[in-house]
Amino acid sequence: MPDWGAVFLLSTPVAEIFVRGTVTFLALLLMLRVAGQREAGGLGLTDVLLVVLVAEAAAGGLTGSSHSVGDGLLLVATILVWSVVVDAVAYRWPRAARVLKARPRPLISDGRLNLQVMRREFMTRDEVLTQLRLHGIQDLDEVKSAYLEPNGLISVVRRDRGEVDEP
């Protein structure tokens, strides 16, 4: 007969779970910020990080590999709290937001490619031109500006018509 009380009671000290969740979240957030934003593809890096960490934290409680459901729930709560704290700090202090949140990077200005941003994000000229074609643009001269957005997508402003619809 299973010990139902042990399923819900914490088997690991609260402080240890909190510290593990905190260190993991903040370290992965930093690593993902350093890695760049090109591959995020529609989701922000924080969103991807949150989904992965919450799934992993909850898995132990679901499968029984953790000592208790309470451990997994506390770890999920720690991760969610840090996600909200990071968003709140970025909202409240714009200087902190520059470090915590990705910003749009200028990929094209007045029809000229920003080679520095392209190198940083490991983007080739052909990849940028492919993205422009998806926006219905055949020539760089048609582009007033284009930005690599924090979610990994490229936004384009044409010289003649303003912002282009998403592909």
Protein backbone atom coordinates (compact mmCIF):
# COMPACT_ATOMS: atom_id res chain seq x y z
CA MET A 1 0.00 0.00 0.00
CA PRO A 2 1.47 3.39 -0.99
CA ASP A 3 2.27 5.94 1.69
CA TRP A 4 -0.09 8.71 0.49
CA GLY A 5 1.23 11.17 3.05
CA ALA A 6 4.74 10.89 1.60
CA VAL A 7 3.43 11.67 -1.89
CA PHE A 8 2.53 15.25 -0.92
CA LEU A 9 4.99 16.06 1.86
CA LEU A 10 8.29 17.71 1.01
CA SER A 11 11.22 15.33 1.11
CA THR A 12 13.88 17.93 0.27
CA PRO A 13 14.48 21.06 2.35
CA VAL A 14 12.59 24.11 1.03
CA ALA A 15 15.76 26.23 0.91
CA GLU A 16 17.56 23.63 -1.22
CA ILE A 17 14.72 23.44 -3.74
CA PHE A 18 14.51 27.24 -3.88
CA VAL A 19 18.26 27.65 -4.39
CA ARG A 20 18.39 24.91 -7.05
CA GLY A 21 15.47 26.46 -8.95
CA THR A 22 16.91 29.96 -8.65
CA VAL A 23 20.41 29.07 -9.79
CA THR A 24 19.13 26.94 -12.67
CA PHE A 25 16.70 29.59 -13.94
CA LEU A 26 19.12 32.50 -13.71
CA ALA A 27 22.08 30.56 -15.16
CA LEU A 28 20.04 29.31 -18.12
CA LEU A 29 18.57 32.77 -18.69
CA LEU A 30 22.08 34.22 -18.84
CA MET A 31 23.31 31.48 -21.18
CA LEU A 32 20.36 31.94 -23.53
CA ARG A 33 20.87 35.73 -23.59
CA VAL A 34 24.54 35.25 -24.52
CA ALA A 35 23.67 32.66 -27.19
CA GLY A 36 21.61 35.15 -29.20
CA GLN A 37 18.03 35.44 -30.31
CA ARG A 38 18.01 34.18 -33.86
CA GLU A 39 16.81 30.66 -33.10
CA ALA A 40 13.95 31.53 -30.74
CA GLY A 41 11.44 31.51 -33.60
CA GLY A 42 8.21 33.09 -32.39
CA LEU A 43 8.71 32.66 -28.68
CA GLY A 44 10.88 34.83 -26.51
CA LEU A 45 13.90 33.15 -24.93
CA THR A 46 12.40 33.55 -21.48
CA ASP A 47 9.25 31.79 -22.71
CA VAL A 48 11.26 28.85 -24.05
CA LEU A 49 13.30 28.67 -20.85
CA LEU A 50 10.17 28.76 -18.71
CA VAL A 51 8.42 26.00 -20.64
CA VAL A 52 11.44 23.70 -20.53
CA LEU A 53 12.19 24.24 -16.85
CA VAL A 54 8.58 23.91 -15.72
CA ALA A 55 8.16 20.70 -17.71
CA GLU A 56 11.33 19.25 -16.24
CA ALA A 57 10.47 20.34 -12.70
CA ALA A 58 6.97 18.92 -12.88
CA ALA A 59 8.10 15.65 -14.49
CA GLY A 60 9.62 14.25 -11.31
CA GLY A 61 6.39 14.66 -9.41
CA LEU A 62 4.37 13.17 -12.24
CA THR A 63 6.52 10.10 -12.79
CA GLY A 64 7.36 9.41 -9.18
CA SER A 65 11.12 9.84 -9.67
CA SER A 66 10.97 12.74 -7.23
CA HIS A 67 10.33 11.89 -3.62
CA SER A 68 7.11 13.89 -3.55
CA VAL A 69 4.71 15.92 -5.63
CA GLY A 70 5.34 18.77 -3.19
CA ASP A 71 9.02 18.94 -4.20
CA GLY A 72 8.11 19.31 -7.87
CA LEU A 73 5.38 21.86 -7.17
CA LEU A 74 7.71 23.96 -5.03
CA LEU A 75 10.35 23.87 -7.75
CA VAL A 76 7.78 24.91 -10.40
CA ALA A 77 6.60 27.73 -8.13
CA THR A 78 10.21 28.92 -7.66
CA ILE A 79 10.78 28.99 -11.43
CA LEU A 80 7.50 30.85 -12.05
CA VAL A 81 8.28 33.38 -9.31
CA TRP A 82 11.68 34.11 -10.85
CA SER A 83 10.12 34.51 -14.28
CA VAL A 84 7.69 37.11 -12.89
CA VAL A 85 10.48 38.82 -10.91
CA VAL A 86 12.69 39.11 -14.02
CA ASP A 87 9.77 40.59 -16.01
CA ALA A 88 8.89 42.99 -13.17
CA VAL A 89 12.50 44.17 -12.77
CA ALA A 90 12.83 44.68 -16.53
CA TYR A 91 9.58 46.66 -16.55
CA ARG A 92 10.43 48.80 -13.52
CA TRP A 93 14.09 49.55 -14.37
CA PRO A 94 14.84 50.09 -18.08
CA ARG A 95 18.59 49.81 -17.48
CA ALA A 96 18.09 46.34 -16.04
CA ALA A 97 15.86 45.48 -19.01
CA ARG A 98 18.83 46.01 -21.33
CA VAL A 99 20.60 43.14 -19.56
CA LEU A 100 17.61 40.90 -18.81
CA LYS A 101 15.59 41.22 -22.00
CA ALA A 102 16.62 40.95 -25.62
CA ARG A 103 16.17 44.05 -27.77
CA PRO A 104 15.52 44.34 -31.48
CA ARG A 105 18.77 44.39 -33.42
CA PRO A 106 19.03 46.55 -36.57
CA LEU A 107 19.62 44.13 -39.42
CA ILE A 108 19.16 46.54 -42.34
CA SER A 109 19.35 50.35 -42.41
CA ASP A 110 18.54 52.26 -45.59
CA GLY A 111 19.03 49.18 -47.75
CA ARG A 112 22.42 48.29 -46.23
CA LEU A 113 23.02 45.06 -44.30
CA ASN A 114 24.41 45.37 -40.78
CA LEU A 115 27.25 42.86 -41.05
CA GLN A 116 28.11 43.13 -37.36
CA VAL A 117 24.63 41.97 -36.30
CA MET A 118 24.66 39.28 -38.97
CA ARG A 119 27.99 37.94 -37.68
CA ARG A 120 26.75 38.04 -34.08
CA GLU A 121 23.65 36.04 -35.00
CA PHE A 122 25.45 33.78 -37.53
CA MET A 123 23.19 34.93 -40.37
CA THR A 124 24.32 34.81 -43.98
CA ARG A 125 23.33 37.29 -46.67
CA ASP A 126 21.27 34.53 -48.34
CA GLU A 127 19.32 33.91 -45.12
CA VAL A 128 18.48 37.60 -44.79
CA LEU A 129 17.44 37.78 -48.45
CA THR A 130 15.24 34.71 -47.95
CA GLN A 131 13.47 36.46 -45.07
CA LEU A 132 12.97 39.56 -47.22
CA ARG A 133 11.40 37.46 -49.99
CA LEU A 134 9.00 36.00 -47.42
CA HIS A 135 7.96 39.62 -46.80
CA GLY A 136 7.49 40.14 -50.56
CA ILE A 137 10.68 42.15 -51.03
CA GLN A 138 13.02 41.39 -53.93
CA ASP A 139 15.74 44.00 -53.42
CA LEU A 140 17.56 45.48 -50.41
CA ASP A 141 16.92 48.97 -51.81
CA GLU A 142 13.21 48.52 -51.06
CA VAL A 143 13.99 48.28 -47.32
CA LYS A 144 14.08 51.36 -45.11
CA SER A 145 14.91 49.24 -42.05
CA ALA A 146 14.67 45.68 -40.79
CA TYR A 147 15.15 44.35 -37.29
CA LEU A 148 15.86 40.97 -35.81
CA GLU A 149 13.23 40.94 -33.08
CA PRO A 150 13.68 39.34 -29.63
CA ASN A 151 11.42 36.45 -30.65
CA GLY A 152 13.74 35.60 -33.56
CA LEU A 153 11.48 36.95 -36.30
CA ILE A 154 12.48 39.73 -38.69
CA SER A 155 10.34 42.86 -38.98
CA VAL A 156 10.69 44.96 -42.12
CA VAL A 157 9.79 48.57 -42.91
CA ARG A 158 9.65 49.36 -46.64
CA ARG A 159 10.78 52.67 -48.05
CA ASP A 160 7.48 53.24 -49.83
CA ARG A 161 4.68 51.66 -47.79
CA GLY A 162 5.76 51.41 -44.18
CA GLU A 163 5.77 48.21 -42.16
CA VAL A 164 5.37 44.91 -43.98
CA ASP A 165 2.95 42.22 -42.83
CA GLU A 166 4.39 39.15 -41.09
CA PRO A 167 5.13 36.22 -43.43
